[in-house]
N, C-alpha and C. Protein backbone atom coordinates (compact mmCIF):
# COMPACT_ATOMS: atom_id res chain seq x y z
N MET A 1 105.73 -71.49 111.65
CA MET A 1 107.12 -71.44 112.08
C MET A 1 107.20 -70.48 113.27
N ASN A 2 107.51 -70.99 114.44
CA ASN A 2 107.63 -70.19 115.66
C ASN A 2 109.09 -69.78 115.83
N LEU A 3 109.44 -68.59 115.32
CA LEU A 3 110.81 -68.10 115.30
C LEU A 3 110.96 -66.97 116.31
N ALA A 4 112.03 -67.02 117.11
CA ALA A 4 112.30 -65.98 118.10
C ALA A 4 113.77 -65.59 118.04
N PHE A 5 114.05 -64.34 118.36
CA PHE A 5 115.42 -63.81 118.36
C PHE A 5 115.70 -63.30 119.77
N ASN A 6 116.15 -64.19 120.62
CA ASN A 6 116.33 -63.88 122.03
C ASN A 6 117.72 -63.30 122.30
N LYS A 7 117.72 -62.27 123.14
CA LYS A 7 118.97 -61.62 123.51
C LYS A 7 119.84 -62.59 124.30
N ILE A 8 121.11 -62.65 123.93
CA ILE A 8 122.10 -63.46 124.64
C ILE A 8 122.91 -62.49 125.50
N LEU A 9 122.89 -62.71 126.78
CA LEU A 9 123.66 -61.88 127.70
C LEU A 9 125.09 -62.42 127.79
N LYS A 10 125.97 -61.58 128.27
CA LYS A 10 127.39 -61.96 128.40
C LYS A 10 127.53 -63.29 129.14
N ALA A 11 126.82 -63.44 130.24
CA ALA A 11 126.92 -64.66 131.07
C ALA A 11 126.38 -65.89 130.35
N ASP A 12 125.50 -65.69 129.37
CA ASP A 12 124.87 -66.81 128.66
C ASP A 12 125.56 -67.13 127.34
N PHE A 13 126.63 -66.40 127.02
CA PHE A 13 127.29 -66.59 125.73
C PHE A 13 127.74 -68.02 125.47
N PRO A 14 128.19 -68.78 126.49
CA PRO A 14 128.60 -70.16 126.21
C PRO A 14 127.52 -71.00 125.52
N GLU A 15 126.25 -70.61 125.66
CA GLU A 15 125.16 -71.34 124.99
C GLU A 15 125.30 -71.29 123.46
N VAL A 16 125.72 -70.13 122.92
CA VAL A 16 125.83 -69.98 121.47
C VAL A 16 127.24 -70.24 120.95
N LEU A 17 128.19 -70.40 121.85
CA LEU A 17 129.59 -70.61 121.45
C LEU A 17 129.77 -71.76 120.45
N PRO A 18 129.08 -72.92 120.61
CA PRO A 18 129.27 -73.98 119.61
C PRO A 18 128.89 -73.55 118.19
N LEU A 19 127.88 -72.69 118.06
CA LEU A 19 127.50 -72.21 116.73
C LEU A 19 128.55 -71.25 116.18
N ILE A 20 129.09 -70.39 117.04
CA ILE A 20 130.16 -69.48 116.62
C ILE A 20 131.38 -70.30 116.19
N GLN A 21 131.70 -71.35 116.93
CA GLN A 21 132.84 -72.21 116.57
C GLN A 21 132.61 -72.86 115.21
N LYS A 22 131.37 -73.29 114.95
CA LYS A 22 131.05 -73.92 113.67
C LYS A 22 131.23 -72.91 112.53
N LEU A 23 130.74 -71.69 112.75
CA LEU A 23 130.91 -70.63 111.75
C LEU A 23 132.38 -70.34 111.51
N MET A 24 133.16 -70.27 112.59
CA MET A 24 134.59 -69.92 112.51
C MET A 24 135.47 -71.12 112.17
N LYS A 25 134.84 -72.28 111.97
CA LYS A 25 135.57 -73.51 111.65
C LYS A 25 136.63 -73.83 112.71
N ASN A 26 136.25 -73.58 113.98
CA ASN A 26 137.10 -73.89 115.14
C ASN A 26 138.51 -73.32 115.02
N GLN A 27 138.62 -72.10 114.50
CA GLN A 27 139.93 -71.46 114.35
C GLN A 27 140.57 -71.08 115.67
N PHE A 28 139.75 -70.83 116.68
CA PHE A 28 140.25 -70.31 117.95
C PHE A 28 139.77 -71.18 119.10
N PRO A 29 140.58 -71.31 120.15
CA PRO A 29 140.11 -72.05 121.33
C PRO A 29 138.90 -71.35 121.96
N ASP A 30 138.05 -72.12 122.61
CA ASP A 30 136.88 -71.56 123.28
C ASP A 30 137.26 -70.41 124.20
N GLU A 31 138.34 -70.57 124.96
CA GLU A 31 138.75 -69.55 125.92
C GLU A 31 139.03 -68.22 125.23
N THR A 32 139.65 -68.26 124.05
CA THR A 32 139.95 -67.04 123.30
C THR A 32 138.67 -66.35 122.88
N LEU A 33 137.72 -67.13 122.33
CA LEU A 33 136.47 -66.52 121.89
C LEU A 33 135.65 -66.01 123.07
N LEU A 34 135.64 -66.74 124.17
CA LEU A 34 134.91 -66.27 125.35
C LEU A 34 135.47 -64.94 125.83
N HIS A 35 136.79 -64.82 125.83
CA HIS A 35 137.43 -63.56 126.24
C HIS A 35 137.08 -62.43 125.28
N ARG A 36 137.21 -62.69 123.98
CA ARG A 36 136.96 -61.65 122.99
C ARG A 36 135.50 -61.20 123.01
N PHE A 37 134.58 -62.16 123.03
CA PHE A 37 133.17 -61.80 123.06
C PHE A 37 132.83 -61.10 124.37
N GLY A 38 133.48 -61.49 125.45
CA GLY A 38 133.27 -60.80 126.71
C GLY A 38 133.58 -59.32 126.60
N GLU A 39 134.65 -58.98 125.91
CA GLU A 39 134.99 -57.57 125.69
C GLU A 39 134.00 -56.91 124.74
N MET A 40 133.57 -57.66 123.71
CA MET A 40 132.64 -57.10 122.73
C MET A 40 131.34 -56.64 123.38
N PHE A 41 130.86 -57.41 124.37
CA PHE A 41 129.60 -57.07 125.03
C PHE A 41 129.67 -55.70 125.71
N ASP A 42 130.87 -55.20 125.96
CA ASP A 42 131.04 -53.89 126.58
C ASP A 42 131.30 -52.79 125.55
N GLN A 43 131.12 -53.09 124.25
CA GLN A 43 131.50 -52.14 123.20
C GLN A 43 130.39 -51.94 122.15
N ASN A 44 129.18 -51.59 122.58
CA ASN A 44 128.06 -51.36 121.66
C ASN A 44 127.73 -52.57 120.80
N TYR A 45 127.84 -53.74 121.38
CA TYR A 45 127.59 -55.01 120.69
C TYR A 45 126.42 -55.72 121.38
N GLU A 46 125.58 -56.33 120.57
CA GLU A 46 124.49 -57.17 121.08
C GLU A 46 124.53 -58.50 120.35
N CYS A 47 124.13 -59.55 121.05
CA CYS A 47 124.10 -60.89 120.47
C CYS A 47 122.69 -61.44 120.61
N ARG A 48 122.23 -62.15 119.60
CA ARG A 48 120.90 -62.78 119.61
C ARG A 48 121.02 -64.23 119.18
N GLY A 49 120.28 -65.07 119.85
CA GLY A 49 120.13 -66.46 119.44
C GLY A 49 118.90 -66.57 118.57
N ILE A 50 118.97 -67.42 117.56
CA ILE A 50 117.82 -67.68 116.69
C ILE A 50 117.20 -68.99 117.16
N TYR A 51 115.97 -68.93 117.59
CA TYR A 51 115.28 -70.10 118.15
C TYR A 51 114.09 -70.46 117.28
N LEU A 52 114.00 -71.71 116.90
CA LEU A 52 112.86 -72.25 116.17
C LEU A 52 112.16 -73.22 117.10
N ASP A 53 110.92 -72.91 117.46
CA ASP A 53 110.18 -73.74 118.42
C ASP A 53 111.02 -74.02 119.67
N ASN A 54 111.64 -72.96 120.19
CA ASN A 54 112.47 -72.99 121.41
C ASN A 54 113.78 -73.77 121.27
N LYS A 55 114.16 -74.15 120.05
CA LYS A 55 115.44 -74.84 119.81
C LYS A 55 116.41 -73.84 119.18
N LEU A 56 117.60 -73.73 119.76
CA LEU A 56 118.62 -72.83 119.23
C LEU A 56 119.14 -73.36 117.90
N ILE A 57 118.94 -72.57 116.82
CA ILE A 57 119.37 -73.02 115.49
C ILE A 57 120.32 -72.03 114.83
N GLY A 58 120.58 -70.90 115.48
CA GLY A 58 121.46 -69.92 114.87
C GLY A 58 121.81 -68.81 115.84
N VAL A 59 122.64 -67.91 115.34
CA VAL A 59 123.13 -66.81 116.17
C VAL A 59 123.50 -65.65 115.26
N PHE A 60 123.40 -64.44 115.79
CA PHE A 60 123.93 -63.28 115.09
C PHE A 60 124.24 -62.19 116.10
N GLY A 61 125.14 -61.32 115.70
CA GLY A 61 125.48 -60.17 116.52
C GLY A 61 125.18 -58.90 115.76
N MET A 62 125.17 -57.80 116.49
CA MET A 62 124.96 -56.49 115.88
C MET A 62 125.84 -55.47 116.59
N TRP A 63 126.54 -54.69 115.81
CA TRP A 63 127.32 -53.57 116.32
C TRP A 63 126.54 -52.30 116.00
N PHE A 64 126.56 -51.34 116.91
CA PHE A 64 125.88 -50.06 116.68
C PHE A 64 126.92 -48.96 116.79
N MET A 65 126.96 -48.09 115.77
CA MET A 65 127.95 -47.02 115.73
C MET A 65 127.45 -45.89 114.83
N THR A 66 128.15 -44.79 114.86
CA THR A 66 127.89 -43.69 113.94
C THR A 66 129.12 -43.54 113.06
N ARG A 67 128.88 -43.50 111.77
CA ARG A 67 129.97 -43.38 110.80
C ARG A 67 129.76 -42.09 110.00
N HIS A 68 130.87 -41.45 109.63
CA HIS A 68 130.77 -40.18 108.91
C HIS A 68 130.04 -40.33 107.58
N TYR A 69 130.15 -41.46 106.92
CA TYR A 69 129.56 -41.65 105.60
C TYR A 69 128.19 -42.31 105.64
N ALA A 70 127.77 -42.83 106.81
CA ALA A 70 126.54 -43.61 106.86
C ALA A 70 125.58 -43.15 107.95
N GLY A 71 126.01 -42.25 108.82
CA GLY A 71 125.18 -41.88 109.95
C GLY A 71 125.13 -43.00 110.97
N ARG A 72 124.08 -43.01 111.78
CA ARG A 72 123.92 -44.09 112.78
C ARG A 72 123.69 -45.39 112.01
N SER A 73 124.47 -46.40 112.36
CA SER A 73 124.50 -47.62 111.56
C SER A 73 124.47 -48.87 112.44
N CYS A 74 123.90 -49.92 111.87
CA CYS A 74 123.91 -51.26 112.48
C CYS A 74 124.75 -52.17 111.59
N GLU A 75 125.67 -52.89 112.21
CA GLU A 75 126.48 -53.85 111.46
C GLU A 75 126.17 -55.26 111.95
N PRO A 76 125.34 -56.00 111.19
CA PRO A 76 125.14 -57.42 111.53
C PRO A 76 126.48 -58.15 111.42
N ASP A 77 126.72 -59.05 112.35
CA ASP A 77 128.03 -59.71 112.44
C ASP A 77 127.83 -61.18 112.78
N HIS A 78 128.71 -62.01 112.28
CA HIS A 78 128.70 -63.47 112.50
C HIS A 78 127.29 -64.06 112.46
N VAL A 79 126.58 -63.77 111.37
CA VAL A 79 125.24 -64.33 111.18
C VAL A 79 125.41 -65.80 110.77
N PHE A 80 124.81 -66.69 111.56
CA PHE A 80 124.97 -68.12 111.28
C PHE A 80 123.67 -68.85 111.58
N ILE A 81 123.21 -69.62 110.60
CA ILE A 81 122.07 -70.52 110.77
C ILE A 81 122.59 -71.93 110.52
N ASP A 82 122.32 -72.83 111.46
CA ASP A 82 122.84 -74.19 111.37
C ASP A 82 122.42 -74.84 110.04
N ASP A 83 123.29 -75.69 109.53
CA ASP A 83 123.15 -76.27 108.19
C ASP A 83 121.75 -76.82 107.90
N GLY A 84 121.18 -77.57 108.80
CA GLY A 84 119.89 -78.22 108.56
C GLY A 84 118.73 -77.26 108.44
N TYR A 85 118.96 -75.98 108.73
CA TYR A 85 117.88 -74.99 108.71
C TYR A 85 118.08 -73.92 107.64
N GLN A 86 119.15 -74.03 106.87
CA GLN A 86 119.41 -73.06 105.81
C GLN A 86 118.49 -73.35 104.63
N GLY A 87 118.22 -72.32 103.83
CA GLY A 87 117.39 -72.48 102.64
C GLY A 87 115.90 -72.56 102.93
N GLN A 88 115.49 -72.15 104.13
CA GLN A 88 114.07 -72.22 104.51
C GLN A 88 113.46 -70.83 104.72
N GLY A 89 114.18 -69.79 104.31
CA GLY A 89 113.67 -68.44 104.47
C GLY A 89 113.94 -67.83 105.82
N ILE A 90 114.67 -68.53 106.68
CA ILE A 90 114.95 -68.02 108.02
C ILE A 90 115.87 -66.80 107.95
N GLY A 91 116.86 -66.83 107.07
CA GLY A 91 117.77 -65.70 106.93
C GLY A 91 117.04 -64.41 106.58
N LYS A 92 116.07 -64.48 105.69
CA LYS A 92 115.28 -63.30 105.33
C LYS A 92 114.53 -62.77 106.55
N LYS A 93 114.01 -63.67 107.38
CA LYS A 93 113.29 -63.26 108.58
C LYS A 93 114.25 -62.65 109.60
N VAL A 94 115.44 -63.22 109.71
CA VAL A 94 116.45 -62.65 110.61
C VAL A 94 116.75 -61.22 110.19
N PHE A 95 117.00 -61.00 108.91
CA PHE A 95 117.36 -59.66 108.46
C PHE A 95 116.19 -58.69 108.52
N ALA A 96 114.99 -59.15 108.28
CA ALA A 96 113.81 -58.27 108.45
C ALA A 96 113.74 -57.80 109.91
N TRP A 97 114.01 -58.72 110.85
CA TRP A 97 114.01 -58.37 112.27
C TRP A 97 115.14 -57.37 112.57
N ILE A 98 116.33 -57.63 112.04
CA ILE A 98 117.47 -56.74 112.27
C ILE A 98 117.14 -55.33 111.77
N TYR A 99 116.58 -55.21 110.56
CA TYR A 99 116.28 -53.89 110.01
C TYR A 99 115.27 -53.15 110.89
N ALA A 100 114.23 -53.84 111.32
CA ALA A 100 113.22 -53.20 112.18
C ALA A 100 113.83 -52.76 113.51
N TYR A 101 114.64 -53.63 114.10
CA TYR A 101 115.28 -53.32 115.37
C TYR A 101 116.25 -52.15 115.23
N ALA A 102 117.03 -52.15 114.16
CA ALA A 102 117.98 -51.07 113.91
C ALA A 102 117.25 -49.74 113.74
N LYS A 103 116.13 -49.74 113.04
CA LYS A 103 115.35 -48.51 112.88
C LYS A 103 114.83 -48.03 114.22
N GLU A 104 114.38 -48.95 115.07
CA GLU A 104 113.92 -48.59 116.42
C GLU A 104 115.03 -47.90 117.22
N LYS A 105 116.28 -48.31 116.97
CA LYS A 105 117.43 -47.74 117.68
C LYS A 105 117.97 -46.49 116.99
N GLY A 106 117.25 -46.01 115.97
CA GLY A 106 117.63 -44.78 115.30
C GLY A 106 118.64 -44.93 114.18
N CYS A 107 118.86 -46.14 113.71
CA CYS A 107 119.84 -46.36 112.64
C CYS A 107 119.28 -45.94 111.28
N GLU A 108 120.18 -45.41 110.48
CA GLU A 108 119.86 -44.97 109.12
C GLU A 108 120.31 -45.99 108.08
N SER A 109 121.21 -46.89 108.48
CA SER A 109 121.79 -47.82 107.50
C SER A 109 122.28 -49.09 108.19
N CYS A 110 122.52 -50.09 107.35
CA CYS A 110 123.17 -51.34 107.78
C CYS A 110 124.34 -51.59 106.84
N GLU A 111 125.40 -52.09 107.40
CA GLU A 111 126.56 -52.49 106.60
C GLU A 111 127.14 -53.74 107.23
N LEU A 112 127.84 -54.52 106.45
CA LEU A 112 128.41 -55.75 107.00
C LEU A 112 129.61 -56.20 106.21
N ASN A 113 130.33 -57.13 106.79
CA ASN A 113 131.46 -57.77 106.12
C ASN A 113 131.08 -59.22 105.84
N SER A 114 131.62 -59.76 104.77
CA SER A 114 131.41 -61.16 104.43
C SER A 114 132.73 -61.71 103.91
N TYR A 115 133.09 -62.90 104.39
CA TYR A 115 134.35 -63.49 103.93
C TYR A 115 134.34 -63.65 102.41
N VAL A 116 135.47 -63.37 101.79
CA VAL A 116 135.60 -63.40 100.34
C VAL A 116 135.15 -64.74 99.76
N SER A 117 135.43 -65.82 100.46
CA SER A 117 135.11 -67.16 99.94
C SER A 117 133.67 -67.61 100.23
N ASN A 118 132.90 -66.79 100.94
CA ASN A 118 131.54 -67.19 101.31
C ASN A 118 130.54 -66.74 100.24
N TYR A 119 130.61 -67.37 99.09
CA TYR A 119 129.80 -66.98 97.94
C TYR A 119 128.30 -67.03 98.20
N PRO A 120 127.79 -68.05 98.89
CA PRO A 120 126.33 -68.05 99.14
C PRO A 120 125.87 -66.81 99.90
N SER A 121 126.70 -66.32 100.84
CA SER A 121 126.29 -65.13 101.58
C SER A 121 126.30 -63.90 100.68
N HIS A 122 127.24 -63.84 99.75
CA HIS A 122 127.29 -62.69 98.84
C HIS A 122 125.99 -62.58 98.06
N LYS A 123 125.54 -63.70 97.53
CA LYS A 123 124.28 -63.71 96.77
C LYS A 123 123.12 -63.28 97.67
N PHE A 124 123.09 -63.80 98.89
CA PHE A 124 122.03 -63.46 99.82
C PHE A 124 122.03 -61.95 100.10
N TYR A 125 123.20 -61.39 100.42
CA TYR A 125 123.28 -59.97 100.76
C TYR A 125 122.94 -59.08 99.57
N LEU A 126 123.38 -59.45 98.38
CA LEU A 126 123.02 -58.67 97.19
C LEU A 126 121.51 -58.71 96.98
N ASN A 127 120.90 -59.87 97.20
CA ASN A 127 119.44 -59.98 97.09
C ASN A 127 118.72 -59.18 98.17
N GLU A 128 119.39 -58.92 99.29
CA GLU A 128 118.83 -58.10 100.36
C GLU A 128 118.97 -56.60 100.06
N GLY A 129 119.64 -56.28 98.96
CA GLY A 129 119.78 -54.87 98.58
C GLY A 129 121.10 -54.23 99.01
N TYR A 130 122.02 -55.02 99.56
CA TYR A 130 123.32 -54.47 99.90
C TYR A 130 124.11 -54.21 98.63
N GLU A 131 124.95 -53.18 98.69
CA GLU A 131 125.85 -52.86 97.59
C GLU A 131 127.28 -53.01 98.09
N ILE A 132 128.17 -53.41 97.19
CA ILE A 132 129.58 -53.53 97.55
C ILE A 132 130.23 -52.16 97.37
N TRP A 133 130.64 -51.56 98.49
CA TRP A 133 131.22 -50.23 98.46
C TRP A 133 132.72 -50.22 98.65
N ALA A 134 133.27 -51.27 99.25
CA ALA A 134 134.68 -51.20 99.61
C ALA A 134 135.25 -52.61 99.79
N HIS A 135 136.54 -52.66 99.96
CA HIS A 135 137.23 -53.88 100.38
C HIS A 135 137.58 -53.71 101.85
N HIS A 136 137.49 -54.75 102.59
CA HIS A 136 137.86 -54.73 104.01
C HIS A 136 139.29 -55.26 104.10
N PHE A 137 140.21 -54.46 104.56
CA PHE A 137 141.61 -54.86 104.69
C PHE A 137 141.89 -55.23 106.13
N PHE A 138 142.79 -56.18 106.32
CA PHE A 138 143.12 -56.67 107.65
C PHE A 138 144.62 -56.88 107.75
N LYS A 139 145.20 -56.49 108.87
CA LYS A 139 146.62 -56.72 109.10
C LYS A 139 146.78 -57.18 110.55
N LYS A 140 147.39 -58.30 110.73
CA LYS A 140 147.68 -58.83 112.07
C LYS A 140 148.87 -58.08 112.63
N LEU A 141 148.75 -57.61 113.87
CA LEU A 141 149.85 -56.88 114.52
C LEU A 141 150.62 -57.79 115.47
């Protein structure tokens, strides 16, 4: 399995946008996501494409920050592997890469959010050793 995690630059983001739209169930117009991700790239955010034999099959982002309770931390975000490639151990390889990369950047921990209804991801993250510490609250302004 020839797997690569290539950095997606701000200018190249449209390449992974269809996968983000699939993950988000097309909730937002492309223009909205392009604008938002454009801002994210300027805020300690990195994006990676998941390539299998040079074919784009997934995407993930990472936020880097320091938190009072966790120290320097990496937050994997919008991790998505296209349907036909799920269940093949690719997710475990993605997270092994994320952990190694985060350690290289001086991170002490990883934390993430998962949608309440995304039960398969909950099982995956618990199997990865994540613990549920809090509820994530959201309010639209």
